[in-house]
Structures are given as C-alpha cells and as structure tokens.
Amino acid sequence: MGVYAREKNDRKEECMETIIFDGEDGTELELGILEQTRVNGSVYLLVVDPEDSDDEGAAAYILKDISEDGDEEGCYVFVEDDTEYDAVYKVFEAMLEDIEFEN
C-alpha cells in the first residue's frame, strides 16, 4: 500500500535522513524519512525512496515502529491495516501542507 506524494513548490531537502529497511527476502532498501508522528502511542514514519524523492508523483510509504523497550535498533513494518493506514495518512496529510497526496 503506498501513497503518492509530490511537492507543491520547489522546496528541496538538502539532506534527507534515511533508514535501512531489511526486506523479508534479505534485501536492503534505503528509505528517506519525510516525517515522523505518534498516533495512539505508536510511532509512524512517512518514507520515500531517496532517489525518487525529487520526482513528481514519487511513491511514499507509511511504516510503524514495532520496537520493544530496550531494543538497540528500531523495528518497522509497512502499515497494511486499512483503518490504521487511513488514520495515519490523514495525520501526515495535515502535517505536510506543502506536499500534495494522492491515495
């Protein structure tokens, strides 16, 4: 499940913070963090492929932090539940007024 995001103006990120997402098949995917929020006690990240972040209509994804207290590294999963996804999507949409979202 993805969101398509594009900037409404010419703002460019000088340096995008990234995370490495380890896929189930053992591949690594570097994702750029657009924004972070907390909803109902859970942390969510809105991420994009950093190489596509300047492209109009680049795909963006919502990740949920499922780390346990005391974990040294964060553990994130793609949000797949439609109700949860829609709720978090609306929060990110409100937070990022300069980004146009298409579901």
N, C-alpha and C. Protein backbone atom coordinates (compact mmCIF):
# COMPACT_ATOMS: atom_id res chain seq x y z
N MET A 1 0.86 -1.16 0.00
CA MET A 1 0.00 0.00 0.00
C MET A 1 0.90 1.22 0.00
N GLY A 2 0.67 2.14 -0.88
CA GLY A 2 1.51 3.32 -0.96
C GLY A 2 0.71 4.58 -1.17
N VAL A 3 1.34 5.67 -0.89
CA VAL A 3 0.79 7.00 -1.11
C VAL A 3 1.71 7.65 -2.13
N TYR A 4 1.14 8.43 -3.02
CA TYR A 4 1.98 9.18 -3.94
C TYR A 4 2.04 10.61 -3.46
N ALA A 5 3.26 11.11 -3.36
CA ALA A 5 3.46 12.45 -2.81
C ALA A 5 4.28 13.27 -3.78
N ARG A 6 3.89 14.52 -3.92
CA ARG A 6 4.70 15.44 -4.71
C ARG A 6 4.66 16.80 -4.05
N GLU A 7 5.73 17.52 -4.21
CA GLU A 7 5.83 18.83 -3.59
C GLU A 7 5.00 19.83 -4.37
N LYS A 8 4.32 20.72 -3.66
CA LYS A 8 3.52 21.75 -4.29
C LYS A 8 4.37 22.93 -4.72
N ASN A 9 5.60 23.00 -4.21
CA ASN A 9 6.50 24.09 -4.61
C ASN A 9 7.87 23.49 -4.91
N ASP A 10 8.85 24.33 -5.09
CA ASP A 10 10.18 23.86 -5.48
C ASP A 10 11.10 23.59 -4.31
N ARG A 11 10.56 23.40 -3.12
CA ARG A 11 11.39 23.14 -1.93
C ARG A 11 12.13 21.82 -2.11
N LYS A 12 13.41 21.83 -1.85
CA LYS A 12 14.24 20.63 -1.93
C LYS A 12 14.87 20.38 -0.58
N GLU A 13 14.97 19.13 -0.21
CA GLU A 13 15.63 18.78 1.04
C GLU A 13 17.13 18.74 0.78
N GLU A 14 17.90 19.46 1.57
CA GLU A 14 19.35 19.46 1.43
C GLU A 14 19.92 18.10 1.80
N CYS A 15 19.45 17.55 2.90
CA CYS A 15 19.98 16.29 3.38
C CYS A 15 18.83 15.52 4.03
N MET A 16 18.40 14.45 3.40
CA MET A 16 17.29 13.67 3.92
C MET A 16 17.83 12.56 4.82
N GLU A 17 17.28 12.48 6.04
CA GLU A 17 17.64 11.40 6.94
C GLU A 17 17.09 10.10 6.36
N THR A 18 17.87 9.04 6.42
CA THR A 18 17.43 7.77 5.85
C THR A 18 17.52 6.65 6.89
N ILE A 19 16.77 5.58 6.60
CA ILE A 19 16.85 4.36 7.39
C ILE A 19 17.03 3.21 6.40
N ILE A 20 17.58 2.12 6.89
CA ILE A 20 17.73 0.93 6.07
C ILE A 20 16.64 -0.06 6.48
N PHE A 21 15.82 -0.45 5.52
CA PHE A 21 14.74 -1.40 5.77
C PHE A 21 15.19 -2.75 5.23
N ASP A 22 15.24 -3.76 6.11
CA ASP A 22 15.62 -5.12 5.70
C ASP A 22 14.38 -5.86 5.26
N GLY A 23 14.33 -6.22 3.97
CA GLY A 23 13.19 -6.94 3.43
C GLY A 23 13.18 -8.39 3.89
N GLU A 24 12.01 -9.01 3.77
CA GLU A 24 11.87 -10.41 4.18
C GLU A 24 12.74 -11.33 3.34
N ASP A 25 13.07 -10.91 2.11
CA ASP A 25 13.89 -11.73 1.22
C ASP A 25 15.39 -11.48 1.41
N GLY A 26 15.74 -10.68 2.43
CA GLY A 26 17.14 -10.43 2.73
C GLY A 26 17.72 -9.20 2.04
N THR A 27 16.95 -8.56 1.19
CA THR A 27 17.45 -7.37 0.53
C THR A 27 17.34 -6.17 1.46
N GLU A 28 18.17 -5.18 1.20
CA GLU A 28 18.14 -3.94 1.97
C GLU A 28 17.59 -2.83 1.08
N LEU A 29 16.75 -2.01 1.66
CA LEU A 29 16.16 -0.89 0.94
C LEU A 29 16.38 0.37 1.78
N GLU A 30 17.04 1.35 1.20
CA GLU A 30 17.25 2.61 1.91
C GLU A 30 16.03 3.50 1.66
N LEU A 31 15.46 4.00 2.73
CA LEU A 31 14.27 4.84 2.64
C LEU A 31 14.53 6.18 3.30
N GLY A 32 14.11 7.26 2.65
CA GLY A 32 14.26 8.60 3.20
C GLY A 32 13.05 8.96 4.04
N ILE A 33 13.29 9.55 5.19
CA ILE A 33 12.21 9.91 6.11
C ILE A 33 11.72 11.32 5.79
N LEU A 34 10.45 11.41 5.40
CA LEU A 34 9.84 12.71 5.16
C LEU A 34 9.31 13.31 6.45
N GLU A 35 8.72 12.47 7.30
CA GLU A 35 8.10 12.97 8.53
C GLU A 35 7.91 11.82 9.50
N GLN A 36 7.77 12.17 10.77
CA GLN A 36 7.52 11.20 11.84
C GLN A 36 6.38 11.73 12.69
N THR A 37 5.51 10.83 13.17
CA THR A 37 4.43 11.24 14.06
C THR A 37 4.11 10.11 15.02
N ARG A 38 3.36 10.44 16.06
CA ARG A 38 2.89 9.45 17.03
C ARG A 38 1.36 9.49 17.02
N VAL A 39 0.74 8.33 16.84
CA VAL A 39 -0.71 8.19 16.85
C VAL A 39 -1.07 7.04 17.78
N ASN A 40 -1.92 7.31 18.75
CA ASN A 40 -2.35 6.28 19.71
C ASN A 40 -1.18 5.53 20.34
N GLY A 41 -0.12 6.26 20.65
CA GLY A 41 1.03 5.68 21.33
C GLY A 41 2.03 4.97 20.43
N SER A 42 1.76 4.88 19.13
CA SER A 42 2.69 4.23 18.20
C SER A 42 3.37 5.29 17.34
N VAL A 43 4.64 5.03 16.99
CA VAL A 43 5.41 5.94 16.14
C VAL A 43 5.30 5.47 14.69
N TYR A 44 5.07 6.43 13.80
CA TYR A 44 4.95 6.15 12.37
C TYR A 44 5.91 7.04 11.60
N LEU A 45 6.44 6.50 10.51
CA LEU A 45 7.30 7.25 9.61
C LEU A 45 6.66 7.31 8.23
N LEU A 46 6.74 8.47 7.60
CA LEU A 46 6.37 8.60 6.19
C LEU A 46 7.68 8.60 5.43
N VAL A 47 7.88 7.62 4.56
CA VAL A 47 9.17 7.43 3.90
C VAL A 47 9.02 7.35 2.38
N VAL A 48 10.12 7.66 1.70
CA VAL A 48 10.20 7.56 0.23
C VAL A 48 11.57 6.98 -0.13
N ASP A 49 11.68 6.52 -1.35
CA ASP A 49 12.99 6.14 -1.88
C ASP A 49 13.73 7.45 -2.11
N PRO A 50 14.90 7.66 -1.45
CA PRO A 50 15.59 8.95 -1.56
C PRO A 50 15.96 9.31 -2.99
N GLU A 51 16.15 8.34 -3.86
CA GLU A 51 16.49 8.63 -5.24
C GLU A 51 15.29 9.13 -6.02
N ASP A 52 14.07 8.78 -5.56
CA ASP A 52 12.85 9.22 -6.22
C ASP A 52 12.22 10.43 -5.56
N SER A 53 12.78 10.91 -4.45
CA SER A 53 12.13 11.95 -3.65
C SER A 53 11.96 13.27 -4.40
N ASP A 54 12.78 13.53 -5.40
CA ASP A 54 12.65 14.77 -6.17
C ASP A 54 11.65 14.63 -7.32
N ASP A 55 11.24 13.40 -7.61
CA ASP A 55 10.32 13.15 -8.72
C ASP A 55 8.90 13.51 -8.33
N GLU A 56 8.19 14.14 -9.26
CA GLU A 56 6.78 14.42 -9.03
C GLU A 56 6.04 13.10 -9.06
N GLY A 57 5.21 12.85 -8.07
CA GLY A 57 4.46 11.61 -8.02
C GLY A 57 5.24 10.44 -7.45
N ALA A 58 6.31 10.70 -6.69
CA ALA A 58 7.10 9.63 -6.08
C ALA A 58 6.25 8.88 -5.05
N ALA A 59 6.42 7.57 -5.00
CA ALA A 59 5.67 6.75 -4.04
C ALA A 59 6.21 6.98 -2.63
N ALA A 60 5.29 7.12 -1.68
CA ALA A 60 5.64 7.26 -0.27
C ALA A 60 4.94 6.14 0.49
N TYR A 61 5.54 5.71 1.59
CA TYR A 61 5.01 4.59 2.37
C TYR A 61 4.95 4.97 3.84
N ILE A 62 4.05 4.32 4.56
CA ILE A 62 3.93 4.54 6.00
C ILE A 62 4.45 3.31 6.71
N LEU A 63 5.43 3.54 7.61
CA LEU A 63 6.00 2.47 8.41
C LEU A 63 5.60 2.67 9.87
N LYS A 64 5.39 1.58 10.59
CA LYS A 64 5.05 1.62 12.02
C LYS A 64 6.21 1.03 12.81
N ASP A 65 6.59 1.72 13.88
CA ASP A 65 7.65 1.24 14.76
C ASP A 65 7.06 0.19 15.71
N ILE A 66 7.56 -1.04 15.61
CA ILE A 66 7.09 -2.11 16.49
C ILE A 66 8.18 -2.56 17.45
N SER A 67 9.18 -1.69 17.66
CA SER A 67 10.29 -1.99 18.55
C SER A 67 9.79 -2.20 19.97
N GLU A 68 10.48 -3.05 20.70
CA GLU A 68 10.21 -3.27 22.12
C GLU A 68 11.10 -2.33 22.92
N ASP A 69 10.66 -1.98 24.14
CA ASP A 69 11.51 -1.18 25.02
C ASP A 69 12.83 -1.90 25.22
N GLY A 70 13.93 -1.16 25.11
CA GLY A 70 15.25 -1.74 25.31
C GLY A 70 15.91 -2.22 24.02
N ASP A 71 15.17 -2.26 22.90
CA ASP A 71 15.78 -2.64 21.63
C ASP A 71 16.81 -1.59 21.23
N GLU A 72 17.96 -2.04 20.76
CA GLU A 72 19.00 -1.11 20.33
C GLU A 72 18.67 -0.46 19.00
N GLU A 73 17.98 -1.18 18.11
CA GLU A 73 17.63 -0.66 16.80
C GLU A 73 16.12 -0.65 16.66
N GLY A 74 15.63 0.27 15.86
CA GLY A 74 14.20 0.33 15.60
C GLY A 74 13.77 -0.82 14.70
N CYS A 75 12.55 -1.24 14.84
CA CYS A 75 11.98 -2.29 14.01
C CYS A 75 10.69 -1.74 13.41
N TYR A 76 10.63 -1.64 12.09
CA TYR A 76 9.50 -1.04 11.41
C TYR A 76 8.85 -2.02 10.45
N VAL A 77 7.54 -1.90 10.32
CA VAL A 77 6.79 -2.70 9.34
C VAL A 77 5.92 -1.76 8.52
N PHE A 78 5.62 -2.16 7.29
CA PHE A 78 4.70 -1.39 6.47
C PHE A 78 3.30 -1.52 7.06
N VAL A 79 2.58 -0.40 7.15
CA VAL A 79 1.21 -0.43 7.66
C VAL A 79 0.32 -1.02 6.57
N GLU A 80 -0.37 -2.11 6.90
CA GLU A 80 -1.22 -2.79 5.93
C GLU A 80 -2.69 -2.75 6.30
N ASP A 81 -3.01 -2.51 7.58
CA ASP A 81 -4.40 -2.43 8.01
C ASP A 81 -5.01 -1.15 7.45
N ASP A 82 -6.12 -1.27 6.70
CA ASP A 82 -6.72 -0.11 6.03
C ASP A 82 -7.17 0.97 7.00
N THR A 83 -7.77 0.60 8.12
CA THR A 83 -8.25 1.59 9.08
C THR A 83 -7.09 2.35 9.69
N GLU A 84 -6.05 1.63 10.12
CA GLU A 84 -4.86 2.26 10.69
C GLU A 84 -4.18 3.15 9.66
N TYR A 85 -4.03 2.62 8.45
CA TYR A 85 -3.38 3.35 7.37
C TYR A 85 -4.10 4.67 7.09
N ASP A 86 -5.43 4.62 6.97
CA ASP A 86 -6.20 5.83 6.67
C ASP A 86 -6.06 6.87 7.77
N ALA A 87 -6.06 6.43 9.02
CA ALA A 87 -5.94 7.37 10.15
C ALA A 87 -4.58 8.07 10.14
N VAL A 88 -3.52 7.30 9.94
CA VAL A 88 -2.16 7.87 9.95
C VAL A 88 -1.94 8.72 8.70
N TYR A 89 -2.48 8.27 7.58
CA TYR A 89 -2.39 9.04 6.33
C TYR A 89 -2.95 10.44 6.51
N LYS A 90 -4.10 10.55 7.17
CA LYS A 90 -4.73 11.86 7.40
C LYS A 90 -3.86 12.75 8.28
N VAL A 91 -3.18 12.16 9.25
CA VAL A 91 -2.29 12.94 10.12
C VAL A 91 -1.13 13.50 9.31
N PHE A 92 -0.48 12.64 8.50
CA PHE A 92 0.64 13.11 7.69
C PHE A 92 0.18 14.16 6.68
N GLU A 93 -0.98 13.97 6.10
CA GLU A 93 -1.50 14.92 5.12
C GLU A 93 -1.68 16.30 5.76
N ALA A 94 -2.18 16.34 6.99
CA ALA A 94 -2.37 17.60 7.70
C ALA A 94 -1.03 18.23 8.09
N MET A 95 -0.05 17.40 8.43
CA MET A 95 1.25 17.90 8.86
C MET A 95 2.05 18.52 7.72
N LEU A 96 1.90 17.97 6.54
CA LEU A 96 2.74 18.36 5.41
C LEU A 96 1.92 19.14 4.39
N GLU A 97 1.66 20.38 4.69
CA GLU A 97 0.83 21.20 3.82
C GLU A 97 1.47 21.46 2.46
N ASP A 98 2.82 21.38 2.36
CA ASP A 98 3.49 21.66 1.09
C ASP A 98 3.63 20.42 0.21
N ILE A 99 3.08 19.29 0.66
CA ILE A 99 3.10 18.05 -0.12
C ILE A 99 1.67 17.73 -0.53
N GLU A 100 1.48 17.42 -1.80
CA GLU A 100 0.15 17.01 -2.28
C GLU A 100 0.10 15.49 -2.31
N PHE A 101 -0.90 14.92 -1.64
CA PHE A 101 -1.03 13.47 -1.54
C PHE A 101 -2.13 12.98 -2.46
N GLU A 102 -1.88 11.84 -3.07
CA GLU A 102 -2.89 11.13 -3.84
C GLU A 102 -2.91 9.71 -3.34
N ASN A 103 -4.04 9.23 -2.91
CA ASN A 103 -4.17 7.88 -2.37
C ASN A 103 -4.33 6.88 -3.48
